């Protein structure tokens, strides 16, 4: 894909007024008017002695392809 086209698409997305791009009208609608959706993801390990070193140091992520 042409980098100029990608640049125009991105530029169009952050304009405050609707901006034509190909067959679309793109713009930045601003901040979301509702409260944000967020939460904290935490957990407690019931048996930390059962966790192996390879699970902690990132080898697991490479093993599963993350």
PDB file of N, CA and C in Angstrom:
ATOM      1  N   UNK A   1       0.846  -1.167   0.000  1.00  0.00           N
ATOM      2  CA  UNK A   1       0.000   0.000   0.000  1.00  0.00           C
ATOM      3  C   UNK A   1       0.896   1.235   0.000  1.00  0.00           C
ATOM      4  N   UNK A   2       0.441   2.250  -0.656  1.00  0.00           N
ATOM      5  CA  UNK A   2       1.187   3.498  -0.795  1.00  0.00           C
ATOM      6  C   UNK A   2       1.266   4.231   0.549  1.00  0.00           C
ATOM      7  N   UNK A   3       2.479   4.562   1.032  1.00  0.00           N
ATOM      8  CA  UNK A   3       2.615   5.269   2.313  1.00  0.00           C
ATOM      9  C   UNK A   3       1.894   6.621   2.329  1.00  0.00           C
ATOM     10  N   UNK A   4       1.791   7.266   1.182  1.00  0.00           N
ATOM     11  CA  UNK A   4       1.081   8.539   1.108  1.00  0.00           C
ATOM     12  C   UNK A   4      -0.400   8.353   1.413  1.00  0.00           C
ATOM     13  N   UNK A   5      -0.972   7.266   0.928  1.00  0.00           N
ATOM     14  CA  UNK A   5      -2.389   6.965   1.179  1.00  0.00           C
ATOM     15  C   UNK A   5      -2.600   6.686   2.664  1.00  0.00           C
ATOM     16  N   UNK A   6      -1.697   5.925   3.255  1.00  0.00           N
ATOM     17  CA  UNK A   6      -1.799   5.629   4.690  1.00  0.00           C
ATOM     18  C   UNK A   6      -1.698   6.927   5.494  1.00  0.00           C
ATOM     19  N   UNK A   7      -0.751   7.775   5.119  1.00  0.00           N
ATOM     20  CA  UNK A   7      -0.604   9.059   5.805  1.00  0.00           C
ATOM     21  C   UNK A   7      -1.862   9.911   5.720  1.00  0.00           C
ATOM     22  N   UNK A   8      -2.494   9.955   4.561  1.00  0.00           N
ATOM     23  CA  UNK A   8      -3.733  10.717   4.375  1.00  0.00           C
ATOM     24  C   UNK A   8      -4.865  10.126   5.220  1.00  0.00           C
ATOM     25  N   UNK A   9      -4.929   8.808   5.300  1.00  0.00           N
ATOM     26  CA  UNK A   9      -5.962   8.155   6.114  1.00  0.00           C
ATOM     27  C   UNK A   9      -5.778   8.519   7.580  1.00  0.00           C
ATOM     28  N   UNK A  10      -4.552   8.428   8.076  1.00  0.00           N
ATOM     29  CA  UNK A  10      -4.289   8.760   9.479  1.00  0.00           C
ATOM     30  C   UNK A  10      -4.590  10.231   9.730  1.00  0.00           C
ATOM     31  N   UNK A  11      -4.131  11.095   8.855  1.00  0.00           N
ATOM     32  CA  UNK A  11      -4.366  12.532   8.991  1.00  0.00           C
ATOM     33  C   UNK A  11      -5.871  12.816   9.043  1.00  0.00           C
ATOM     34  N   UNK A  12      -6.629  12.151   8.197  1.00  0.00           N
ATOM     35  CA  UNK A  12      -8.075  12.355   8.149  1.00  0.00           C
ATOM     36  C   UNK A  12      -8.741  11.939   9.456  1.00  0.00           C
ATOM     37  N   UNK A  13      -8.200  10.922  10.100  1.00  0.00           N
ATOM     38  CA  UNK A  13      -8.804  10.403  11.328  1.00  0.00           C
ATOM     39  C   UNK A  13      -8.675  11.361  12.505  1.00  0.00           C
ATOM     40  N   UNK A  14      -7.684  12.232  12.525  1.00  0.00           N
ATOM     41  CA  UNK A  14      -7.564  13.121  13.676  1.00  0.00           C
ATOM     42  C   UNK A  14      -8.000  14.559  13.397  1.00  0.00           C
ATOM     43  N   UNK A  15      -8.751  14.760  12.340  1.00  0.00           N
ATOM     44  CA  UNK A  15      -9.343  16.074  12.071  1.00  0.00           C
ATOM     45  C   UNK A  15     -10.609  16.234  12.902  1.00  0.00           C
ATOM     46  N   UNK A  16     -10.870  17.448  13.355  1.00  0.00           N
ATOM     47  CA  UNK A  16     -12.060  17.701  14.170  1.00  0.00           C
ATOM     48  C   UNK A  16     -13.332  17.767  13.331  1.00  0.00           C
ATOM     49  N   UNK A  17     -13.210  18.153  12.095  1.00  0.00           N
ATOM     50  CA  UNK A  17     -14.357  18.208  11.189  1.00  0.00           C
ATOM     51  C   UNK A  17     -14.303  17.002  10.243  1.00  0.00           C
ATOM     52  N   UNK A  18     -15.451  16.459   9.842  1.00  0.00           N
ATOM     53  CA  UNK A  18     -15.451  15.335   8.893  1.00  0.00           C
ATOM     54  C   UNK A  18     -14.632  15.676   7.640  1.00  0.00           C
ATOM     55  N   UNK A  19     -13.740  14.764   7.294  1.00  0.00           N
ATOM     56  CA  UNK A  19     -12.810  14.963   6.188  1.00  0.00           C
ATOM     57  C   UNK A  19     -12.944  13.807   5.212  1.00  0.00           C
ATOM     58  N   UNK A  20     -13.117  14.087   3.931  1.00  0.00           N
ATOM     59  CA  UNK A  20     -13.261  12.989   2.971  1.00  0.00           C
ATOM     60  C   UNK A  20     -11.959  12.216   2.778  1.00  0.00           C
ATOM     61  N   UNK A  21     -12.080  10.911   2.769  1.00  0.00           N
ATOM     62  CA  UNK A  21     -10.973  10.016   2.429  1.00  0.00           C
ATOM     63  C   UNK A  21     -11.573   8.840   1.679  1.00  0.00           C
ATOM     64  N   UNK A  22     -11.220   8.730   0.423  1.00  0.00           N
ATOM     65  CA  UNK A  22     -11.786   7.713  -0.467  1.00  0.00           C
ATOM     66  C   UNK A  22     -13.315   7.783  -0.388  1.00  0.00           C
ATOM     67  N   UNK A  23     -13.980   6.703  -0.004  1.00  0.00           N
ATOM     68  CA  UNK A  23     -15.446   6.694   0.069  1.00  0.00           C
ATOM     69  C   UNK A  23     -15.959   6.954   1.487  1.00  0.00           C
ATOM     70  N   UNK A  24     -15.107   7.491   2.356  1.00  0.00           N
ATOM     71  CA  UNK A  24     -15.458   7.651   3.766  1.00  0.00           C
ATOM     72  C   UNK A  24     -15.312   9.109   4.194  1.00  0.00           C
ATOM     73  N   UNK A  25     -16.031   9.450   5.255  1.00  0.00           N
ATOM     74  CA  UNK A  25     -15.849  10.736   5.927  1.00  0.00           C
ATOM     75  C   UNK A  25     -15.251  10.402   7.290  1.00  0.00           C
ATOM     76  N   UNK A  26     -14.021  10.810   7.522  1.00  0.00           N
ATOM     77  CA  UNK A  26     -13.315  10.465   8.753  1.00  0.00           C
ATOM     78  C   UNK A  26     -13.109  11.705   9.603  1.00  0.00           C
ATOM     79  N   UNK A  27     -13.126  11.520  10.918  1.00  0.00           N
ATOM     80  CA  UNK A  27     -12.830  12.610  11.841  1.00  0.00           C
ATOM     81  C   UNK A  27     -12.622  12.040  13.238  1.00  0.00           C
ATOM     82  N   UNK A  28     -12.105  12.891  14.110  1.00  0.00           N
ATOM     83  CA  UNK A  28     -11.900  12.521  15.505  1.00  0.00           C
ATOM     84  C   UNK A  28     -13.113  13.012  16.289  1.00  0.00           C
ATOM     85  N   UNK A  29     -13.918  12.114  16.834  1.00  0.00           N
ATOM     86  CA  UNK A  29     -15.113  12.541  17.550  1.00  0.00           C
ATOM     87  C   UNK A  29     -14.815  13.150  18.917  1.00  0.00           C
ATOM     88  N   UNK A  30     -13.576  13.162  19.347  1.00  0.00           N
ATOM     89  CA  UNK A  30     -13.226  13.723  20.648  1.00  0.00           C
ATOM     90  C   UNK A  30     -13.266  12.679  21.740  1.00  0.00           C
ATOM     91  N   UNK A  31     -13.195  13.167  22.952  1.00  0.00           N
ATOM     92  CA  UNK A  31     -13.179  12.268  24.103  1.00  0.00           C
ATOM     93  C   UNK A  31     -14.518  11.534  24.225  1.00  0.00           C
ATOM     94  N   UNK A  32     -14.452  10.312  24.680  1.00  0.00           N
ATOM     95  CA  UNK A  32     -15.653   9.512  24.891  1.00  0.00           C
ATOM     96  C   UNK A  32     -16.486  10.157  25.989  1.00  0.00           C
ATOM     97  N   UNK A  33     -17.750  10.341  25.765  1.00  0.00           N
ATOM     98  CA  UNK A  33     -18.609  11.079  26.696  1.00  0.00           C
ATOM     99  C   UNK A  33     -18.998  10.288  27.947  1.00  0.00           C
ATOM    100  N   UNK A  34     -18.859   9.003  27.911  1.00  0.00           N
ATOM    101  CA  UNK A  34     -19.213   8.171  29.063  1.00  0.00           C
ATOM    102  C   UNK A  34     -17.972   7.913  29.914  1.00  0.00           C
ATOM    103  N   UNK A  35     -18.202   7.386  31.085  1.00  0.00           N
ATOM    104  CA  UNK A  35     -17.079   7.012  31.952  1.00  0.00           C
ATOM    105  C   UNK A  35     -16.259   5.913  31.275  1.00  0.00           C
ATOM    106  N   UNK A  36     -14.978   5.948  31.476  1.00  0.00           N
ATOM    107  CA  UNK A  36     -14.102   4.952  30.867  1.00  0.00           C
ATOM    108  C   UNK A  36     -14.352   3.556  31.409  1.00  0.00           C
ATOM    109  N   UNK A  37     -14.070   2.584  30.586  1.00  0.00           N
ATOM    110  CA  UNK A  37     -14.204   1.197  31.002  1.00  0.00           C
ATOM    111  C   UNK A  37     -12.806   0.721  31.372  1.00  0.00           C
ATOM    112  N   UNK A  38     -12.614   0.488  32.645  1.00  0.00           N
ATOM    113  CA  UNK A  38     -11.303   0.016  33.080  1.00  0.00           C
ATOM    114  C   UNK A  38     -11.456  -0.795  34.349  1.00  0.00           C
ATOM    115  N   UNK A  39     -10.488  -1.594  34.586  1.00  0.00           N
ATOM    116  CA  UNK A  39     -10.441  -2.373  35.808  1.00  0.00           C
ATOM    117  C   UNK A  39      -9.003  -2.826  36.026  1.00  0.00           C
ATOM    118  N   UNK A  40      -8.727  -3.224  37.205  1.00  0.00           N
ATOM    119  CA  UNK A  40      -7.397  -3.715  37.526  1.00  0.00           C
ATOM    120  C   UNK A  40      -7.423  -5.232  37.463  1.00  0.00           C
ATOM    121  N   UNK A  41      -6.504  -5.781  36.722  1.00  0.00           N
ATOM    122  CA  UNK A  41      -6.399  -7.234  36.638  1.00  0.00           C
ATOM    123  C   UNK A  41      -5.298  -7.700  37.579  1.00  0.00           C
ATOM    124  N   UNK A  42      -5.701  -8.346  38.620  1.00  0.00           N
ATOM    125  CA  UNK A  42      -4.746  -8.884  39.572  1.00  0.00           C
ATOM    126  C   UNK A  42      -5.217 -10.255  40.011  1.00  0.00           C
ATOM    127  N   UNK A  43      -4.349 -10.960  40.585  1.00  0.00           N
ATOM    128  CA  UNK A  43      -4.707 -12.266  41.093  1.00  0.00           C
ATOM    129  C   UNK A  43      -3.757 -12.655  42.198  1.00  0.00           C
ATOM    130  N   UNK A  44      -4.147 -13.612  42.952  1.00  0.00           N
ATOM    131  CA  UNK A  44      -3.292 -14.103  44.018  1.00  0.00           C
ATOM    132  C   UNK A  44      -2.931 -15.543  43.711  1.00  0.00           C
ATOM    133  N   UNK A  45      -1.679 -15.821  43.829  1.00  0.00           N
ATOM    134  CA  UNK A  45      -1.193 -17.177  43.613  1.00  0.00           C
ATOM    135  C   UNK A  45      -1.342 -17.921  44.929  1.00  0.00           C
ATOM    136  N   UNK A  46      -2.126 -18.986  44.895  1.00  0.00           N
ATOM    137  CA  UNK A  46      -2.388 -19.730  46.125  1.00  0.00           C
ATOM    138  C   UNK A  46      -1.175 -20.543  46.575  1.00  0.00           C
ATOM    139  N   UNK A  47      -0.388 -21.019  45.589  1.00  0.00           N
ATOM    140  CA  UNK A  47       0.774 -21.836  45.931  1.00  0.00           C
ATOM    141  C   UNK A  47       1.992 -21.333  45.159  1.00  0.00           C
ATOM    142  N   UNK A  48       2.608 -20.223  45.603  1.00  0.00           N
ATOM    143  CA  UNK A  48       3.728 -19.655  44.860  1.00  0.00           C
ATOM    144  C   UNK A  48       4.917 -20.614  44.760  1.00  0.00           C
ATOM    145  N   UNK A  49       5.007 -21.540  45.673  1.00  0.00           N
ATOM    146  CA  UNK A  49       6.122 -22.506  45.622  1.00  0.00           C
ATOM    147  C   UNK A  49       6.010 -23.441  44.415  1.00  0.00           C
ATOM    148  N   UNK A  50       4.829 -23.494  43.792  1.00  0.00           N
ATOM    149  CA  UNK A  50       4.633 -24.362  42.629  1.00  0.00           C
ATOM    150  C   UNK A  50       4.988 -23.682  41.305  1.00  0.00           C
ATOM    151  N   UNK A  51       5.260 -22.380  41.327  1.00  0.00           N
ATOM    152  CA  UNK A  51       5.609 -21.670  40.104  1.00  0.00           C
ATOM    153  C   UNK A  51       7.063 -21.947  39.780  1.00  0.00           C
ATOM    154  N   UNK A  52       7.307 -22.361  38.569  1.00  0.00           N
ATOM    155  CA  UNK A  52       8.670 -22.660  38.154  1.00  0.00           C
ATOM    156  C   UNK A  52       9.328 -21.412  37.571  1.00  0.00           C
ATOM    157  N   UNK A  53      10.634 -21.368  37.617  1.00  0.00           N
ATOM    158  CA  UNK A  53      11.398 -20.205  37.166  1.00  0.00           C
ATOM    159  C   UNK A  53      11.085 -19.836  35.719  1.00  0.00           C
ATOM    160  N   UNK A  54      10.910 -20.827  34.852  1.00  0.00           N
ATOM    161  CA  UNK A  54      10.659 -20.529  33.439  1.00  0.00           C
ATOM    162  C   UNK A  54       9.322 -19.837  33.220  1.00  0.00           C
ATOM    163  N   UNK A  55       8.380 -19.983  34.163  1.00  0.00           N
ATOM    164  CA  UNK A  55       7.090 -19.317  34.050  1.00  0.00           C
ATOM    165  C   UNK A  55       7.191 -17.828  34.406  1.00  0.00           C
ATOM    166  N   UNK A  56       8.192 -17.471  35.174  1.00  0.00           N
ATOM    167  CA  UNK A  56       8.361 -16.100  35.632  1.00  0.00           C
ATOM    168  C   UNK A  56       9.232 -15.274  34.697  1.00  0.00           C
ATOM    169  N   UNK A  57      10.286 -15.832  34.174  1.00  0.00           N
ATOM    170  CA  UNK A  57      11.281 -15.029  33.448  1.00  0.00           C
ATOM    171  C   UNK A  57      10.982 -14.812  31.969  1.00  0.00           C
ATOM    172  N   UNK A  58       9.805 -15.169  31.492  1.00  0.00           N
ATOM    173  CA  UNK A  58       9.443 -14.877  30.117  1.00  0.00           C
ATOM    174  C   UNK A  58       9.631 -16.025  29.146  1.00  0.00           C
ATOM    175  N   UNK A  59      10.267 -17.103  29.544  1.00  0.00           N
ATOM    176  CA  UNK A  59      10.438 -18.236  28.633  1.00  0.00           C
ATOM    177  C   UNK A  59       9.086 -18.795  28.202  1.00  0.00           C
ATOM    178  N   UNK A  60       8.121 -18.757  29.098  1.00  0.00           N
ATOM    179  CA  UNK A  60       6.792 -19.269  28.771  1.00  0.00           C
ATOM    180  C   UNK A  60       6.199 -18.505  27.593  1.00  0.00           C
ATOM    181  N   UNK A  61       6.379 -17.165  27.590  1.00  0.00           N
ATOM    182  CA  UNK A  61       5.827 -16.369  26.495  1.00  0.00           C
ATOM    183  C   UNK A  61       6.459 -16.750  25.165  1.00  0.00           C
ATOM    184  N   UNK A  62       7.758 -16.960  25.170  1.00  0.00           N
ATOM    185  CA  UNK A  62       8.431 -17.369  23.925  1.00  0.00           C
ATOM    186  C   UNK A  62       8.002 -18.784  23.524  1.00  0.00           C
ATOM    187  N   UNK A  63       7.748 -19.644  24.498  1.00  0.00           N
ATOM    188  CA  UNK A  63       7.365 -21.020  24.219  1.00  0.00           C
ATOM    189  C   UNK A  63       6.000 -21.077  23.548  1.00  0.00           C
ATOM    190  N   UNK A  64       5.043 -20.221  24.004  1.00  0.00           N
ATOM    191  CA  UNK A  64       3.708 -20.246  23.423  1.00  0.00           C
ATOM    192  C   UNK A  64       3.579 -19.313  22.228  1.00  0.00           C
ATOM    193  N   UNK A  65       4.628 -18.583  21.918  1.00  0.00           N
ATOM    194  CA  UNK A  65       4.634 -17.740  20.720  1.00  0.00           C
ATOM    195  C   UNK A  65       4.077 -16.348  20.929  1.00  0.00           C
ATOM    196  N   UNK A  66       4.093 -15.855  22.151  1.00  0.00           N
ATOM    197  CA  UNK A  66       3.578 -14.500  22.411  1.00  0.00           C
ATOM    198  C   UNK A  66       4.719 -13.509  22.239  1.00  0.00           C
TER     199      UNK A  66
END
